[in-house]
């Protein structure tokens, strides 16, 4: 195993340990967290927001959304993955 592979594996184990700790949180900790973060405020600008009228009746909303992005010049055709978006594109070998 290459040194980079060993570091990657070690980081993966560390991350898995953190996730297991979070998942094992007891109900009391969750309740305390809810108390600290509540009540959630509603954004006044988004209170009455809907997608009504975005698409013609009987039309698919996702198709209407893509068409709008295309009209506005915002539709990407690169076909990248979510992984590429988060971690950056993979280097070609």
N, C-alpha and C. Protein backbone atom coordinates (compact mmCIF):
# COMPACT_ATOMS: atom_id res chain seq x y z
N UNK A 1 0.85 -1.19 0.00
CA UNK A 1 0.00 0.00 0.00
C UNK A 1 0.89 1.24 0.00
N UNK A 2 0.60 2.18 -0.87
CA UNK A 2 1.37 3.41 -0.98
C UNK A 2 1.10 4.29 0.24
N UNK A 3 2.06 5.19 0.59
CA UNK A 3 1.86 6.08 1.74
C UNK A 3 0.57 6.90 1.64
N UNK A 4 0.23 7.36 0.43
CA UNK A 4 -1.02 8.13 0.26
C UNK A 4 -2.24 7.28 0.57
N UNK A 5 -2.19 6.01 0.17
CA UNK A 5 -3.30 5.09 0.45
C UNK A 5 -3.45 4.86 1.94
N UNK A 6 -2.32 4.74 2.65
CA UNK A 6 -2.37 4.53 4.10
C UNK A 6 -2.97 5.74 4.80
N UNK A 7 -2.58 6.95 4.38
CA UNK A 7 -3.13 8.16 4.98
C UNK A 7 -4.62 8.27 4.70
N UNK A 8 -5.01 7.92 3.49
CA UNK A 8 -6.42 7.97 3.12
C UNK A 8 -7.24 6.98 3.95
N UNK A 9 -6.70 5.77 4.13
CA UNK A 9 -7.39 4.76 4.92
C UNK A 9 -7.50 5.19 6.38
N UNK A 10 -6.43 5.78 6.91
CA UNK A 10 -6.44 6.26 8.30
C UNK A 10 -7.46 7.37 8.48
N UNK A 11 -7.51 8.30 7.52
CA UNK A 11 -8.48 9.39 7.59
C UNK A 11 -9.90 8.84 7.51
N UNK A 12 -10.11 7.82 6.69
CA UNK A 12 -11.42 7.20 6.59
C UNK A 12 -11.86 6.57 7.89
N UNK A 13 -10.92 5.89 8.56
CA UNK A 13 -11.25 5.28 9.86
C UNK A 13 -11.56 6.35 10.89
N UNK A 14 -10.79 7.45 10.88
CA UNK A 14 -11.06 8.54 11.81
C UNK A 14 -12.44 9.15 11.57
N UNK A 15 -12.77 9.36 10.30
CA UNK A 15 -14.07 9.92 9.96
C UNK A 15 -15.21 9.00 10.36
N UNK A 16 -15.00 7.70 10.16
CA UNK A 16 -16.02 6.73 10.54
C UNK A 16 -16.22 6.74 12.05
N UNK A 17 -15.14 6.89 12.80
CA UNK A 17 -15.24 6.97 14.27
C UNK A 17 -16.05 8.18 14.71
N UNK A 18 -15.83 9.30 14.06
CA UNK A 18 -16.58 10.52 14.39
C UNK A 18 -18.06 10.33 14.09
N UNK A 19 -18.36 9.76 12.92
CA UNK A 19 -19.77 9.52 12.58
C UNK A 19 -20.44 8.58 13.56
N UNK A 20 -19.74 7.52 13.96
CA UNK A 20 -20.33 6.59 14.93
C UNK A 20 -20.61 7.26 16.25
N UNK A 21 -19.74 8.17 16.67
CA UNK A 21 -19.95 8.90 17.91
C UNK A 21 -21.19 9.79 17.81
N UNK A 22 -21.33 10.45 16.67
CA UNK A 22 -22.49 11.31 16.47
C UNK A 22 -23.77 10.49 16.47
N UNK A 23 -23.75 9.37 15.73
CA UNK A 23 -24.94 8.51 15.64
C UNK A 23 -25.32 7.91 16.99
N UNK A 24 -24.34 7.75 17.87
CA UNK A 24 -24.61 7.13 19.17
C UNK A 24 -25.09 8.14 20.21
N UNK A 25 -25.26 9.39 19.83
CA UNK A 25 -25.69 10.41 20.78
C UNK A 25 -27.01 9.99 21.41
N UNK A 26 -27.10 10.17 22.72
CA UNK A 26 -28.35 9.77 23.38
C UNK A 26 -29.42 10.85 23.23
N UNK A 27 -30.63 10.50 23.56
CA UNK A 27 -31.77 11.41 23.38
C UNK A 27 -31.60 12.70 24.18
N UNK A 28 -30.96 12.61 25.35
CA UNK A 28 -30.78 13.80 26.17
C UNK A 28 -29.92 14.84 25.44
N UNK A 29 -28.86 14.37 24.80
CA UNK A 29 -27.98 15.28 24.06
C UNK A 29 -28.74 15.91 22.90
N UNK A 30 -29.56 15.12 22.23
CA UNK A 30 -30.35 15.63 21.12
C UNK A 30 -31.33 16.68 21.63
N UNK A 31 -31.98 16.42 22.77
CA UNK A 31 -32.93 17.37 23.34
C UNK A 31 -32.22 18.67 23.72
N UNK A 32 -31.02 18.57 24.31
CA UNK A 32 -30.26 19.76 24.68
C UNK A 32 -29.91 20.57 23.43
N UNK A 33 -29.52 19.89 22.38
CA UNK A 33 -29.19 20.56 21.13
C UNK A 33 -30.42 21.28 20.58
N UNK A 34 -31.56 20.61 20.62
CA UNK A 34 -32.80 21.21 20.12
C UNK A 34 -33.15 22.47 20.92
N UNK A 35 -32.93 22.43 22.24
CA UNK A 35 -33.23 23.59 23.08
C UNK A 35 -32.33 24.77 22.71
N UNK A 36 -31.06 24.50 22.45
CA UNK A 36 -30.11 25.56 22.12
C UNK A 36 -30.40 26.16 20.75
N UNK A 37 -30.88 25.36 19.83
CA UNK A 37 -31.06 25.82 18.44
C UNK A 37 -32.50 26.20 18.12
N UNK A 38 -33.40 26.09 19.05
CA UNK A 38 -34.80 26.38 18.77
C UNK A 38 -35.17 27.70 19.42
N UNK A 39 -36.18 28.37 19.09
CA UNK A 39 -37.06 28.05 17.98
C UNK A 39 -36.46 28.55 16.66
N UNK A 40 -36.73 27.83 15.62
CA UNK A 40 -36.24 28.23 14.31
C UNK A 40 -37.09 29.38 13.79
N UNK A 41 -36.45 30.37 13.23
CA UNK A 41 -37.17 31.51 12.69
C UNK A 41 -37.45 31.28 11.21
N UNK A 42 -38.60 31.75 10.78
CA UNK A 42 -38.98 31.64 9.38
C UNK A 42 -38.49 32.89 8.66
N UNK A 43 -37.84 32.68 7.54
CA UNK A 43 -37.39 33.81 6.74
C UNK A 43 -38.62 34.48 6.14
N UNK A 44 -38.80 35.73 6.43
CA UNK A 44 -39.99 36.44 5.95
C UNK A 44 -40.07 36.48 4.43
N UNK A 45 -38.93 36.54 3.78
CA UNK A 45 -38.94 36.61 2.33
C UNK A 45 -39.38 35.29 1.69
N UNK A 46 -39.25 34.19 2.39
CA UNK A 46 -39.56 32.88 1.83
C UNK A 46 -40.87 32.31 2.34
N UNK A 47 -41.57 33.04 3.16
CA UNK A 47 -42.79 32.53 3.78
C UNK A 47 -43.83 32.10 2.76
N UNK A 48 -44.05 32.89 1.75
CA UNK A 48 -45.10 32.61 0.78
C UNK A 48 -44.56 32.12 -0.55
N UNK A 49 -43.36 31.61 -0.56
CA UNK A 49 -42.71 31.17 -1.80
C UNK A 49 -43.23 29.80 -2.21
N UNK A 50 -43.61 29.67 -3.46
CA UNK A 50 -44.00 28.38 -4.02
C UNK A 50 -43.45 28.29 -5.44
N UNK A 51 -43.56 27.12 -6.02
CA UNK A 51 -43.17 26.93 -7.40
C UNK A 51 -44.38 27.00 -8.33
N UNK A 52 -45.53 27.38 -7.80
CA UNK A 52 -46.73 27.53 -8.63
C UNK A 52 -46.45 28.55 -9.73
N UNK A 53 -46.83 28.23 -10.92
CA UNK A 53 -46.63 29.14 -12.03
C UNK A 53 -45.27 28.98 -12.70
N UNK A 54 -44.41 28.18 -12.14
CA UNK A 54 -43.09 27.95 -12.75
C UNK A 54 -43.24 27.16 -14.04
N UNK A 55 -44.16 26.20 -14.02
CA UNK A 55 -44.38 25.36 -15.21
C UNK A 55 -45.84 25.45 -15.61
N UNK A 56 -46.08 25.27 -16.88
CA UNK A 56 -47.45 25.24 -17.38
C UNK A 56 -48.17 24.05 -16.78
N UNK A 57 -49.48 24.14 -16.56
CA UNK A 57 -50.22 23.00 -16.01
C UNK A 57 -50.01 21.74 -16.87
N UNK A 58 -49.72 20.64 -16.21
CA UNK A 58 -49.49 19.38 -16.90
C UNK A 58 -48.05 19.20 -17.38
N UNK A 59 -47.18 20.17 -17.10
CA UNK A 59 -45.78 20.10 -17.51
C UNK A 59 -44.92 19.72 -16.31
N UNK A 60 -43.85 19.02 -16.59
CA UNK A 60 -42.92 18.59 -15.54
C UNK A 60 -42.15 19.79 -15.01
N UNK A 61 -42.10 19.95 -13.69
CA UNK A 61 -41.42 21.08 -13.07
C UNK A 61 -39.92 21.06 -13.37
N UNK A 62 -39.30 19.89 -13.33
CA UNK A 62 -37.85 19.82 -13.59
C UNK A 62 -37.53 20.22 -15.02
N UNK A 63 -38.38 19.87 -15.96
CA UNK A 63 -38.17 20.27 -17.35
C UNK A 63 -38.31 21.78 -17.49
N UNK A 64 -39.29 22.35 -16.82
CA UNK A 64 -39.48 23.80 -16.86
C UNK A 64 -38.28 24.52 -16.24
N UNK A 65 -37.75 23.96 -15.15
CA UNK A 65 -36.60 24.56 -14.49
C UNK A 65 -35.38 24.53 -15.40
N UNK A 66 -35.13 23.39 -16.07
CA UNK A 66 -33.99 23.30 -16.99
C UNK A 66 -34.15 24.29 -18.15
N UNK A 67 -35.36 24.42 -18.64
CA UNK A 67 -35.61 25.34 -19.75
C UNK A 67 -35.33 26.78 -19.32
N UNK A 68 -35.74 27.12 -18.12
CA UNK A 68 -35.47 28.48 -17.63
C UNK A 68 -33.98 28.72 -17.48
N UNK A 69 -33.26 27.76 -16.92
CA UNK A 69 -31.81 27.90 -16.79
C UNK A 69 -31.15 28.04 -18.16
N UNK A 70 -31.62 27.25 -19.14
CA UNK A 70 -31.07 27.33 -20.48
C UNK A 70 -31.30 28.72 -21.08
N UNK A 71 -32.52 29.25 -20.94
CA UNK A 71 -32.84 30.59 -21.47
C UNK A 71 -31.95 31.66 -20.85
N UNK A 72 -31.65 31.50 -19.55
CA UNK A 72 -30.85 32.50 -18.84
C UNK A 72 -29.35 32.26 -19.01
N UNK A 73 -28.97 31.22 -19.75
CA UNK A 73 -27.56 30.93 -19.97
C UNK A 73 -26.86 30.34 -18.75
N UNK A 74 -27.61 29.72 -17.86
CA UNK A 74 -27.06 29.17 -16.62
C UNK A 74 -27.02 27.66 -16.59
N UNK A 75 -27.46 27.01 -17.66
CA UNK A 75 -27.51 25.56 -17.67
C UNK A 75 -26.13 25.02 -18.04
N UNK A 76 -25.52 24.30 -17.11
CA UNK A 76 -24.21 23.70 -17.37
C UNK A 76 -24.35 22.42 -18.15
N UNK A 77 -23.50 22.23 -19.12
CA UNK A 77 -23.55 21.01 -19.92
C UNK A 77 -22.33 20.13 -19.68
N UNK A 78 -21.55 20.45 -18.64
CA UNK A 78 -20.33 19.70 -18.37
C UNK A 78 -20.58 18.28 -17.92
N UNK A 79 -21.70 18.01 -17.33
CA UNK A 79 -22.03 16.66 -16.90
C UNK A 79 -21.17 16.15 -15.76
N UNK A 80 -20.64 17.04 -14.94
CA UNK A 80 -19.84 16.62 -13.79
C UNK A 80 -20.69 15.98 -12.72
N UNK A 81 -20.03 15.33 -11.78
CA UNK A 81 -20.73 14.66 -10.70
C UNK A 81 -20.76 15.54 -9.46
N UNK A 82 -21.54 15.15 -8.48
CA UNK A 82 -21.56 15.86 -7.20
C UNK A 82 -20.19 15.76 -6.55
N UNK A 83 -19.53 14.61 -6.71
CA UNK A 83 -18.18 14.44 -6.18
C UNK A 83 -17.24 15.50 -6.75
N UNK A 84 -17.33 15.73 -8.07
CA UNK A 84 -16.49 16.74 -8.70
C UNK A 84 -16.81 18.13 -8.18
N UNK A 85 -18.07 18.40 -7.91
CA UNK A 85 -18.48 19.69 -7.38
C UNK A 85 -17.89 19.92 -6.00
N UNK A 86 -17.92 18.88 -5.16
CA UNK A 86 -17.45 19.01 -3.78
C UNK A 86 -15.92 18.94 -3.70
N UNK A 87 -15.33 17.95 -4.35
CA UNK A 87 -13.90 17.70 -4.20
C UNK A 87 -13.06 18.22 -5.36
N UNK A 88 -13.70 18.68 -6.40
CA UNK A 88 -12.97 19.12 -7.57
C UNK A 88 -12.84 17.99 -8.58
N UNK A 89 -12.60 18.34 -9.82
CA UNK A 89 -12.51 17.30 -10.85
C UNK A 89 -11.32 16.38 -10.62
N UNK A 90 -11.48 15.14 -11.04
CA UNK A 90 -10.42 14.16 -10.91
C UNK A 90 -9.35 14.45 -11.95
N UNK A 91 -8.12 14.17 -11.57
CA UNK A 91 -7.01 14.36 -12.52
C UNK A 91 -7.01 13.18 -13.48
N UNK A 92 -6.82 13.48 -14.75
CA UNK A 92 -6.76 12.43 -15.77
C UNK A 92 -5.39 11.81 -15.76
N UNK A 93 -5.34 10.49 -15.86
CA UNK A 93 -4.07 9.77 -15.87
C UNK A 93 -3.53 9.63 -17.26
